[in-house]
PDB file of N, CA and C in Angstrom:
ATOM      1  N   MET A   1      -3.492   2.459  24.533  1.00  0.00           N
ATOM      2  CA  MET A   1      -1.941   2.520  24.313  1.00  0.00           C
ATOM      3  C   MET A   1      -1.398   2.496  23.212  1.00  0.00           C
ATOM      4  N   LYS A   2      -0.533   3.518  24.063  1.00  0.00           N
ATOM      5  CA  LYS A   2       0.473   3.880  22.745  1.00  0.00           C
ATOM      6  C   LYS A   2       1.134   2.663  21.736  1.00  0.00           C
ATOM      7  N   GLY A   3       0.962   2.649  20.333  1.00  0.00           N
ATOM      8  CA  GLY A   3       1.967   1.717  19.644  1.00  0.00           C
ATOM      9  C   GLY A   3       1.672   0.671  19.577  1.00  0.00           C
ATOM     10  N   LYS A   4       0.200  -0.100  20.220  1.00  0.00           N
ATOM     11  CA  LYS A   4      -0.277  -1.393  19.919  1.00  0.00           C
ATOM     12  C   LYS A   4      -1.792  -1.032  19.193  1.00  0.00           C
ATOM     13  N   LYS A   5      -1.268  -2.197  18.228  1.00  0.00           N
ATOM     14  CA  LYS A   5      -2.311  -1.875  16.578  1.00  0.00           C
ATOM     15  C   LYS A   5      -3.664  -2.168  17.692  1.00  0.00           C
ATOM     16  N   THR A   6      -4.691  -1.755  17.373  1.00  0.00           N
ATOM     17  CA  THR A   6      -5.967  -1.916  17.450  1.00  0.00           C
ATOM     18  C   THR A   6      -7.460  -2.322  16.667  1.00  0.00           C
ATOM     19  N   GLY A   7      -6.788  -2.374  15.691  1.00  0.00           N
ATOM     20  CA  GLY A   7      -7.655  -2.482  14.304  1.00  0.00           C
ATOM     21  C   GLY A   7      -7.233  -2.944  13.216  1.00  0.00           C
ATOM     22  N   GLY A   8      -7.496  -2.661  11.929  1.00  0.00           N
ATOM     23  CA  GLY A   8      -7.376  -3.264  10.682  1.00  0.00           C
ATOM     24  C   GLY A   8      -6.978  -4.757  10.420  1.00  0.00           C
ATOM     25  N   ARG A   9      -6.468  -4.692   9.603  1.00  0.00           N
ATOM     26  CA  ARG A   9      -6.427  -6.013   8.751  1.00  0.00           C
ATOM     27  C   ARG A   9      -5.178  -6.605   9.667  1.00  0.00           C
ATOM     28  N   GLN A  10      -5.388  -7.664   9.939  1.00  0.00           N
ATOM     29  CA  GLN A  10      -4.621  -8.663  10.787  1.00  0.00           C
ATOM     30  C   GLN A  10      -3.307  -9.151  10.219  1.00  0.00           C
ATOM     31  N   LYS A  11      -2.034  -9.441  10.704  1.00  0.00           N
ATOM     32  CA  LYS A  11      -1.011  -9.827  10.210  1.00  0.00           C
ATOM     33  C   LYS A  11      -1.288 -11.248   9.556  1.00  0.00           C
ATOM     34  N   GLY A  12      -0.649 -11.192   8.409  1.00  0.00           N
ATOM     35  CA  GLY A  12      -0.659 -12.467   7.577  1.00  0.00           C
ATOM     36  C   GLY A  12      -2.098 -12.618   6.553  1.00  0.00           C
ATOM     37  N   THR A  13      -3.089 -11.682   6.715  1.00  0.00           N
ATOM     38  CA  THR A  13      -4.346 -12.242   6.084  1.00  0.00           C
ATOM     39  C   THR A  13      -4.058 -10.807   4.562  1.00  0.00           C
ATOM     40  N   PRO A  14      -4.124 -12.007   3.719  1.00  0.00           N
ATOM     41  CA  PRO A  14      -4.158 -11.427   2.427  1.00  0.00           C
ATOM     42  C   PRO A  14      -4.841  -9.915   1.979  1.00  0.00           C
ATOM     43  N   ASN A  15      -4.481  -9.208   1.600  1.00  0.00           N
ATOM     44  CA  ASN A  15      -5.233  -8.193   1.171  1.00  0.00           C
ATOM     45  C   ASN A  15      -5.970  -8.304  -0.305  1.00  0.00           C
ATOM     46  N   LYS A  16      -7.096  -8.328  -0.192  1.00  0.00           N
ATOM     47  CA  LYS A  16      -8.339  -8.504  -0.880  1.00  0.00           C
ATOM     48  C   LYS A  16      -8.229  -7.991  -2.450  1.00  0.00           C
ATOM     49  N   SER A  17      -7.856  -6.393  -2.418  1.00  0.00           N
ATOM     50  CA  SER A  17      -7.776  -5.796  -4.088  1.00  0.00           C
ATOM     51  C   SER A  17      -6.581  -6.326  -4.184  1.00  0.00           C
ATOM     52  N   THR A  18      -5.457  -7.141  -3.649  1.00  0.00           N
ATOM     53  CA  THR A  18      -4.062  -7.028  -4.558  1.00  0.00           C
ATOM     54  C   THR A  18      -4.448  -8.994  -4.845  1.00  0.00           C
ATOM     55  N   SER A  19      -5.491  -9.718  -4.332  1.00  0.00           N
ATOM     56  CA  SER A  19      -6.141 -10.620  -4.271  1.00  0.00           C
ATOM     57  C   SER A  19      -6.850 -10.477  -5.688  1.00  0.00           C
ATOM     58  N   THR A  20      -7.346 -10.085  -5.956  1.00  0.00           N
ATOM     59  CA  THR A  20      -8.560  -9.546  -6.635  1.00  0.00           C
ATOM     60  C   THR A  20      -7.955  -8.909  -8.547  1.00  0.00           C
ATOM     61  N   ILE A  21      -6.810  -8.515  -7.939  1.00  0.00           N
ATOM     62  CA  ILE A  21      -6.634  -7.812  -9.288  1.00  0.00           C
ATOM     63  C   ILE A  21      -5.434  -8.898  -9.982  1.00  0.00           C
ATOM     64  N   ARG A  22      -4.647  -9.399  -9.009  1.00  0.00           N
ATOM     65  CA  ARG A  22      -4.314 -10.883  -9.176  1.00  0.00           C
ATOM     66  C   ARG A  22      -4.850 -11.602 -10.218  1.00  0.00           C
ATOM     67  N   GLU A  23      -5.459 -11.930  -9.751  1.00  0.00           N
ATOM     68  CA  GLU A  23      -7.007 -12.900 -10.336  1.00  0.00           C
ATOM     69  C   GLU A  23      -7.315 -12.632 -11.503  1.00  0.00           C
ATOM     70  N   ALA A  24      -7.897 -11.257 -11.890  1.00  0.00           N
ATOM     71  CA  ALA A  24      -8.197 -10.977 -13.164  1.00  0.00           C
ATOM     72  C   ALA A  24      -6.707 -10.953 -14.142  1.00  0.00           C
ATOM     73  N   ILE A  25      -5.781 -10.199 -13.418  1.00  0.00           N
ATOM     74  CA  ILE A  25      -4.591 -10.223 -14.910  1.00  0.00           C
ATOM     75  C   ILE A  25      -4.435 -11.853 -15.227  1.00  0.00           C
ATOM     76  N   ALA A  26      -4.474 -13.029 -14.357  1.00  0.00           N
ATOM     77  CA  ALA A  26      -4.213 -14.181 -14.317  1.00  0.00           C
ATOM     78  C   ALA A  26      -5.493 -14.800 -15.610  1.00  0.00           C
ATOM     79  N   ALA A  27      -6.851 -14.644 -15.461  1.00  0.00           N
ATOM     80  CA  ALA A  27      -7.486 -14.552 -16.354  1.00  0.00           C
ATOM     81  C   ALA A  27      -7.236 -14.168 -17.504  1.00  0.00           C
ATOM     82  N   GLN A  28      -6.667 -12.736 -17.727  1.00  0.00           N
ATOM     83  CA  GLN A  28      -6.834 -12.497 -19.049  1.00  0.00           C
ATOM     84  C   GLN A  28      -5.892 -12.791 -19.499  1.00  0.00           C
ATOM     85  N   TRP A  29      -4.701 -13.303 -19.220  1.00  0.00           N
ATOM     86  CA  TRP A  29      -3.364 -13.784 -19.607  1.00  0.00           C
ATOM     87  C   TRP A  29      -3.453 -15.450 -19.456  1.00  0.00           C
ATOM     88  N   GLN A  30      -4.380 -15.693 -19.120  1.00  0.00           N
ATOM     89  CA  GLN A  30      -4.751 -17.205 -19.627  1.00  0.00           C
ATOM     90  C   GLN A  30      -5.066 -17.355 -20.888  1.00  0.00           C
ATOM     91  N   ARG A  31      -6.241 -16.766 -20.737  1.00  0.00           N
ATOM     92  CA  ARG A  31      -7.376 -15.984 -22.292  1.00  0.00           C
ATOM     93  C   ARG A  31      -6.267 -15.705 -23.648  1.00  0.00           C
ATOM     94  N   TYR A  32      -5.395 -14.842 -23.504  1.00  0.00           N
ATOM     95  CA  TYR A  32      -4.382 -14.718 -24.558  1.00  0.00           C
ATOM     96  C   TYR A  32      -3.725 -15.549 -25.231  1.00  0.00           C
ATOM     97  N   GLN A  33      -3.379 -16.268 -23.428  1.00  0.00           N
ATOM     98  CA  GLN A  33      -2.392 -17.487 -24.477  1.00  0.00           C
ATOM     99  C   GLN A  33      -3.443 -19.036 -25.100  1.00  0.00           C
ATOM    100  N   GLU A  34      -5.006 -18.799 -24.028  1.00  0.00           N
ATOM    101  CA  GLU A  34      -5.265 -19.885 -25.189  1.00  0.00           C
ATOM    102  C   GLU A  34      -5.654 -19.761 -26.496  1.00  0.00           C
ATOM    103  N   SER A  35      -5.909 -18.389 -27.123  1.00  0.00           N
ATOM    104  CA  SER A  35      -6.394 -17.956 -27.916  1.00  0.00           C
ATOM    105  C   SER A  35      -5.130 -17.825 -29.225  1.00  0.00           C
ATOM    106  N   GLY A  36      -4.317 -18.419 -28.975  1.00  0.00           N
ATOM    107  CA  GLY A  36      -3.121 -18.137 -29.691  1.00  0.00           C
ATOM    108  C   GLY A  36      -2.589 -17.221 -30.335  1.00  0.00           C
ATOM    109  N   GLN A  37      -2.724 -16.309 -29.669  1.00  0.00           N
ATOM    110  CA  GLN A  37      -2.613 -14.992 -29.840  1.00  0.00           C
ATOM    111  C   GLN A  37      -1.259 -14.323 -29.625  1.00  0.00           C
ATOM    112  N   PHE A  38      -1.313 -15.215 -28.298  1.00  0.00           N
ATOM    113  CA  PHE A  38       0.268 -15.189 -27.837  1.00  0.00           C
ATOM    114  C   PHE A  38       1.728 -15.568 -28.431  1.00  0.00           C
ATOM    115  N   GLN A  39       1.185 -16.954 -29.029  1.00  0.00           N
ATOM    116  CA  GLN A  39       2.178 -17.635 -29.695  1.00  0.00           C
ATOM    117  C   GLN A  39       2.225 -16.538 -31.197  1.00  0.00           C
ATOM    118  N   GLU A  40       1.101 -15.780 -32.151  1.00  0.00           N
ATOM    119  CA  GLU A  40       1.525 -15.683 -33.053  1.00  0.00           C
ATOM    120  C   GLU A  40       2.254 -14.140 -32.327  1.00  0.00           C
ATOM    121  N   ASP A  41       1.925 -13.862 -31.803  1.00  0.00           N
ATOM    122  CA  ASP A  41       2.663 -12.304 -30.917  1.00  0.00           C
ATOM    123  C   ASP A  41       4.166 -12.557 -31.294  1.00  0.00           C
ATOM    124  N   ILE A  42       4.752 -14.221 -30.312  1.00  0.00           N
ATOM    125  CA  ILE A  42       5.889 -14.004 -29.916  1.00  0.00           C
ATOM    126  C   ILE A  42       6.647 -14.448 -31.789  1.00  0.00           C
ATOM    127  N   ASP A  43       5.940 -15.086 -32.169  1.00  0.00           N
ATOM    128  CA  ASP A  43       6.544 -15.250 -33.439  1.00  0.00           C
ATOM    129  C   ASP A  43       6.378 -14.303 -34.410  1.00  0.00           C
ATOM    130  N   ALA A  44       6.116 -13.252 -34.236  1.00  0.00           N
ATOM    131  CA  ALA A  44       5.975 -12.397 -35.072  1.00  0.00           C
ATOM    132  C   ALA A  44       7.622 -10.873 -34.775  1.00  0.00           C
ATOM    133  N   LEU A  45       8.286 -11.274 -33.640  1.00  0.00           N
ATOM    134  CA  LEU A  45       9.354 -10.747 -33.293  1.00  0.00           C
ATOM    135  C   LEU A  45      10.347 -11.162 -33.809  1.00  0.00           C
ATOM    136  N   ASP A  46      11.088  -9.987 -34.221  1.00  0.00           N
ATOM    137  CA  ASP A  46      12.516 -10.815 -34.869  1.00  0.00           C
ATOM    138  C   ASP A  46      13.275 -11.186 -33.299  1.00  0.00           C
ATOM    139  N   PRO A  47      14.447 -12.253 -34.287  1.00  0.00           N
ATOM    140  CA  PRO A  47      15.232 -12.702 -32.959  1.00  0.00           C
ATOM    141  C   PRO A  47      15.318 -12.284 -31.799  1.00  0.00           C
ATOM    142  N   ALA A  48      15.968 -11.394 -31.387  1.00  0.00           N
ATOM    143  CA  ALA A  48      16.525 -10.376 -30.760  1.00  0.00           C
ATOM    144  C   ALA A  48      15.379  -9.873 -29.776  1.00  0.00           C
ATOM    145  N   THR A  49      15.078  -9.670 -30.138  1.00  0.00           N
ATOM    146  CA  THR A  49      13.343  -8.922 -29.331  1.00  0.00           C
ATOM    147  C   THR A  49      13.095 -10.248 -28.281  1.00  0.00           C
ATOM    148  N   ARG A  50      12.570 -11.224 -29.201  1.00  0.00           N
ATOM    149  CA  ARG A  50      12.225 -12.486 -29.127  1.00  0.00           C
ATOM    150  C   ARG A  50      12.698 -13.209 -27.842  1.00  0.00           C
ATOM    151  N   ALA A  51      14.081 -12.773 -27.907  1.00  0.00           N
ATOM    152  CA  ALA A  51      14.913 -13.719 -26.541  1.00  0.00           C
ATOM    153  C   ALA A  51      15.134 -12.811 -25.596  1.00  0.00           C
ATOM    154  N   SER A  52      15.031 -11.272 -25.915  1.00  0.00           N
ATOM    155  CA  SER A  52      14.543 -10.275 -24.470  1.00  0.00           C
ATOM    156  C   SER A  52      13.359 -10.864 -24.108  1.00  0.00           C
ATOM    157  N   VAL A  53      12.717 -10.898 -24.729  1.00  0.00           N
ATOM    158  CA  VAL A  53      11.127 -11.425 -24.325  1.00  0.00           C
ATOM    159  C   VAL A  53      10.968 -12.512 -23.433  1.00  0.00           C
ATOM    160  N   MET A  54      11.579 -13.406 -23.777  1.00  0.00           N
ATOM    161  CA  MET A  54      11.381 -14.289 -23.110  1.00  0.00           C
ATOM    162  C   MET A  54      12.321 -14.163 -22.199  1.00  0.00           C
ATOM    163  N   GLU A  55      13.591 -13.836 -22.263  1.00  0.00           N
ATOM    164  CA  GLU A  55      14.404 -13.721 -20.801  1.00  0.00           C
ATOM    165  C   GLU A  55      13.453 -12.964 -19.447  1.00  0.00           C
ATOM    166  N   LYS A  56      12.906 -12.277 -20.012  1.00  0.00           N
ATOM    167  CA  LYS A  56      12.241 -11.302 -18.801  1.00  0.00           C
ATOM    168  C   LYS A  56      10.927 -12.287 -18.933  1.00  0.00           C
ATOM    169  N   PHE A  57      10.279 -13.661 -19.588  1.00  0.00           N
ATOM    170  CA  PHE A  57       9.211 -14.391 -18.997  1.00  0.00           C
ATOM    171  C   PHE A  57       9.621 -15.341 -17.674  1.00  0.00           C
ATOM    172  N   ALA A  58      11.325 -15.310 -18.538  1.00  0.00           N
ATOM    173  CA  ALA A  58      12.007 -16.489 -17.431  1.00  0.00           C
ATOM    174  C   ALA A  58      11.452 -16.338 -15.989  1.00  0.00           C
ATOM    175  N   GLN A  59      11.987 -14.958 -15.940  1.00  0.00           N
ATOM    176  CA  GLN A  59      12.175 -14.853 -14.026  1.00  0.00           C
ATOM    177  C   GLN A  59      10.771 -15.062 -13.541  1.00  0.00           C
ATOM    178  N   TYR A  60       9.561 -14.813 -14.262  1.00  0.00           N
ATOM    179  CA  TYR A  60       8.141 -15.324 -13.598  1.00  0.00           C
ATOM    180  C   TYR A  60       8.206 -16.913 -12.856  1.00  0.00           C
ATOM    181  N   VAL A  61       9.245 -17.593 -14.166  1.00  0.00           N
ATOM    182  CA  VAL A  61       8.796 -19.476 -13.816  1.00  0.00           C
ATOM    183  C   VAL A  61       9.844 -20.132 -13.138  1.00  0.00           C
ATOM    184  N   SER A  62      11.010 -19.447 -13.347  1.00  0.00           N
ATOM    185  CA  SER A  62      12.511 -20.171 -12.727  1.00  0.00           C
ATOM    186  C   SER A  62      12.970 -18.730 -11.360  1.00  0.00           C
ATOM    187  N   PRO A  63      13.483 -19.353 -10.851  1.00  0.00           N
ATOM    188  CA  PRO A  63      14.273 -18.976  -9.256  1.00  0.00           C
ATOM    189  C   PRO A  63      15.403 -18.357 -10.397  1.00  0.00           C
ATOM    190  N   LYS A  64      16.032 -16.656  -9.503  1.00  0.00           N
ATOM    191  CA  LYS A  64      16.951 -15.858 -10.038  1.00  0.00           C
ATOM    192  C   LYS A  64      18.508 -17.057  -9.370  1.00  0.00           C
ATOM    193  N   MET A  65      19.184 -17.012 -10.482  1.00  0.00           N
ATOM    194  CA  MET A  65      20.579 -17.500  -9.778  1.00  0.00           C
ATOM    195  C   MET A  65      21.346 -16.415  -8.752  1.00  0.00           C
ATOM    196  N   LYS A  66      21.796 -17.191  -7.828  1.00  0.00           N
ATOM    197  CA  LYS A  66      22.900 -15.794  -7.290  1.00  0.00           C
ATOM    198  C   LYS A  66      24.458 -16.551  -7.162  1.00  0.00           C
ATOM    199  N   SER A  67      24.918 -15.361  -7.149  1.00  0.00           N
ATOM    200  CA  SER A  67      26.616 -15.498  -7.156  1.00  0.00           C
ATOM    201  C   SER A  67      26.486 -15.883  -5.613  1.00  0.00           C
ATOM    202  N   MET A  68      27.757 -16.893  -5.392  1.00  0.00           N
ATOM    203  CA  MET A  68      27.857 -17.270  -3.846  1.00  0.00           C
ATOM    204  C   MET A  68      29.163 -17.434  -3.599  1.00  0.00           C
ATOM    205  N   ASP A  69      29.734 -16.395  -2.361  1.00  0.00           N
ATOM    206  CA  ASP A  69      31.281 -16.721  -1.941  1.00  0.00           C
ATOM    207  C   ASP A  69      31.197 -18.068  -0.869  1.00  0.00           C
ATOM    208  N   VAL A  70      31.798 -18.453  -1.567  1.00  0.00           N
ATOM    209  CA  VAL A  70      32.715 -20.081  -0.612  1.00  0.00           C
ATOM    210  C   VAL A  70      34.369 -19.571   0.360  1.00  0.00           C
ATOM    211  N   ASP A  71      33.742 -19.883   1.131  1.00  0.00           N
ATOM    212  CA  ASP A  71      35.312 -19.454   2.003  1.00  0.00           C
ATOM    213  C   ASP A  71      36.292 -20.882   2.184  1.00  0.00           C
ATOM    214  N   VAL A  72      36.933 -21.193   1.877  1.00  0.00           N
ATOM    215  CA  VAL A  72      37.429 -22.489   1.574  1.00  0.00           C
ATOM    216  C   VAL A  72      39.052 -22.833   2.063  1.00  0.00           C
ATOM    217  N   SER A  73      39.103 -21.663   2.979  1.00  0.00           N
ATOM    218  CA  SER A  73      39.991 -21.614   3.919  1.00  0.00           C
ATOM    219  C   SER A  73      39.950 -22.932   4.695  1.00  0.00           C
ATOM    220  N   HIS A  74      41.144 -23.365   5.766  1.00  0.00           N
ATOM    221  CA  HIS A  74      40.681 -24.898   6.729  1.00  0.00           C
ATOM    222  C   HIS A  74      41.741 -24.645   7.425  1.00  0.00           C
ATOM    223  N   ARG A  75      41.072 -24.478   9.023  1.00  0.00           N
ATOM    224  CA  ARG A  75      41.890 -24.227  10.152  1.00  0.00           C
ATOM    225  C   ARG A  75      42.107 -25.583  10.558  1.00  0.00           C
ATOM    226  N   ALA A  76      43.225 -26.616  11.051  1.00  0.00           N
ATOM    227  CA  ALA A  76      43.253 -27.681  11.133  1.00  0.00           C
ATOM    228  C   ALA A  76      43.177 -27.709  12.689  1.00  0.00           C
ATOM    229  N   SER A  77      42.121 -28.443  13.465  1.00  0.00           N
ATOM    230  CA  SER A  77      41.976 -28.243  15.000  1.00  0.00           C
ATOM    231  C   SER A  77      42.383 -29.613  15.571  1.00  0.00           C
ATOM    232  N   LEU A  78      43.275 -29.559  16.217  1.00  0.00           N
ATOM    233  CA  LEU A  78      43.772 -30.829  17.044  1.00  0.00           C
ATOM    234  C   LEU A  78      42.887 -31.418  17.957  1.00  0.00           C
ATOM    235  N   THR A  79      42.787 -32.939  18.043  1.00  0.00           N
ATOM    236  CA  THR A  79      42.324 -33.285  19.190  1.00  0.00           C
ATOM    237  C   THR A  79      42.993 -33.232  20.720  1.00  0.00           C
ATOM    238  N   ILE A  80      42.375 -33.536  21.282  1.00  0.00           N
ATOM    239  CA  ILE A  80      43.095 -33.354  23.080  1.00  0.00           C
ATOM    240  C   ILE A  80      43.852 -34.248  22.951  1.00  0.00           C
ATOM    241  N   GLU A  81      44.356 -35.891  22.674  1.00  0.00           N
ATOM    242  CA  GLU A  81      45.510 -36.649  22.827  1.00  0.00           C
ATOM    243  C   GLU A  81      46.305 -36.029  21.491  1.00  0.00           C
ATOM    244  N   ASP A  82      45.980 -35.086  20.657  1.00  0.00           N
ATOM    245  CA  ASP A  82      47.062 -35.015  19.277  1.00  0.00           C
ATOM    246  C   ASP A  82      47.976 -33.799  20.096  1.00  0.00           C
ATOM    247  N   ARG A  83      47.156 -33.091  20.843  1.00  0.00           N
ATOM    248  CA  ARG A  83      47.421 -31.525  21.643  1.00  0.00           C
ATOM    249  C   ARG A  83      48.885 -32.627  22.671  1.00  0.00           C
ATOM    250  N   LEU A  84      48.156 -33.494  23.786  1.00  0.00           N
ATOM    251  CA  LEU A  84      49.137 -33.833  24.778  1.00  0.00           C
ATOM    252  C   LEU A  84      50.317 -34.356  23.839  1.00  0.00           C
ATOM    253  N   ARG A  85      50.372 -35.157  22.788  1.00  0.00           N
ATOM    254  CA  ARG A  85      51.485 -35.751  22.582  1.00  0.00           C
ATOM    255  C   ARG A  85      52.408 -35.008  21.968  1.00  0.00           C
ATOM    256  N   GLN A  86      51.991 -33.549  21.673  1.00  0.00           N
ATOM    257  CA  GLN A  86      52.661 -32.407  20.834  1.00  0.00           C
ATOM    258  C   GLN A  86      53.407 -31.734  22.714  1.00  0.00           C
ATOM    259  N   LEU A  87      52.615 -31.868  23.053  1.00  0.00           N
ATOM    260  CA  LEU A  87      53.612 -31.775  24.539  1.00  0.00           C
ATOM    261  C   LEU A  87      54.038 -32.243  25.032  1.00  0.00           C
ATOM    262  N   CYS A  88      54.033 -33.620  25.130  1.00  0.00           N
ATOM    263  CA  CYS A  88      55.157 -34.289  25.722  1.00  0.00           C
ATOM    264  C   CYS A  88      56.240 -35.124  24.718  1.00  0.00           C
ATOM    265  N   GLY A  89      56.034 -33.947  23.656  1.00  0.00           N
ATOM    266  CA  GLY A  89      56.798 -34.373  22.424  1.00  0.00           C
ATOM    267  C   GLY A  89      57.537 -35.612  21.387  1.00  0.00           C
ATOM    268  N   GLU A  90      56.374 -36.008  21.689  1.00  0.00           N
ATOM    269  CA  GLU A  90      56.161 -37.470  21.297  1.00  0.00           C
ATOM    270  C   GLU A  90      55.121 -36.679  19.726  1.00  0.00           C
ATOM    271  N   THR A  91      55.712 -38.039  18.389  1.00  0.00           N
ATOM    272  CA  THR A  91      55.582 -37.938  17.567  1.00  0.00           C
ATOM    273  C   THR A  91      54.227 -39.021  16.779  1.00  0.00           C
ATOM    274  N   ASP A  92      53.769 -38.827  15.963  1.00  0.00           N
ATOM    275  CA  ASP A  92      52.909 -39.471  15.341  1.00  0.00           C
ATOM    276  C   ASP A  92      53.070 -41.084  15.436  1.00  0.00           C
ATOM    277  N   GLY A  93      54.074 -40.799  14.707  1.00  0.00           N
ATOM    278  CA  GLY A  93      55.011 -42.703  14.675  1.00  0.00           C
ATOM    279  C   GLY A  93      55.421 -43.184  16.016  1.00  0.00           C
ATOM    280  N   ASP A  94      55.612 -42.323  16.901  1.00  0.00           N
ATOM    281  CA  ASP A  94      55.990 -42.972  18.494  1.00  0.00           C
ATOM    282  C   ASP A  94      55.147 -43.995  19.149  1.00  0.00           C
ATOM    283  N   SER A  95      53.850 -43.690  18.834  1.00  0.00           N
ATOM    284  CA  SER A  95      52.944 -44.107  20.371  1.00  0.00           C
ATOM    285  C   SER A  95      52.879 -45.426  19.380  1.00  0.00           C
TER     286      SER A  95
END
């Protein structure tokens, strides 16, 4: 049948090579931090470079903030009773 998937990895199944690479990188990163070398390297940087590096690391541990547009316009809607009062010529204080 044309267009029908007949083999290969099923939707939602993780890619084995990607997960293997991620595990290897995570293990290496953990060894780097636990050795104390990471902190030494960070401390050796000049303040501007250290700030830049920490900013780059921050994107992996905290969500990025996005600006939002908010529509603050308000359109008053009348109830049926309010509309009937208007049609009858009544005001709010006449009821």
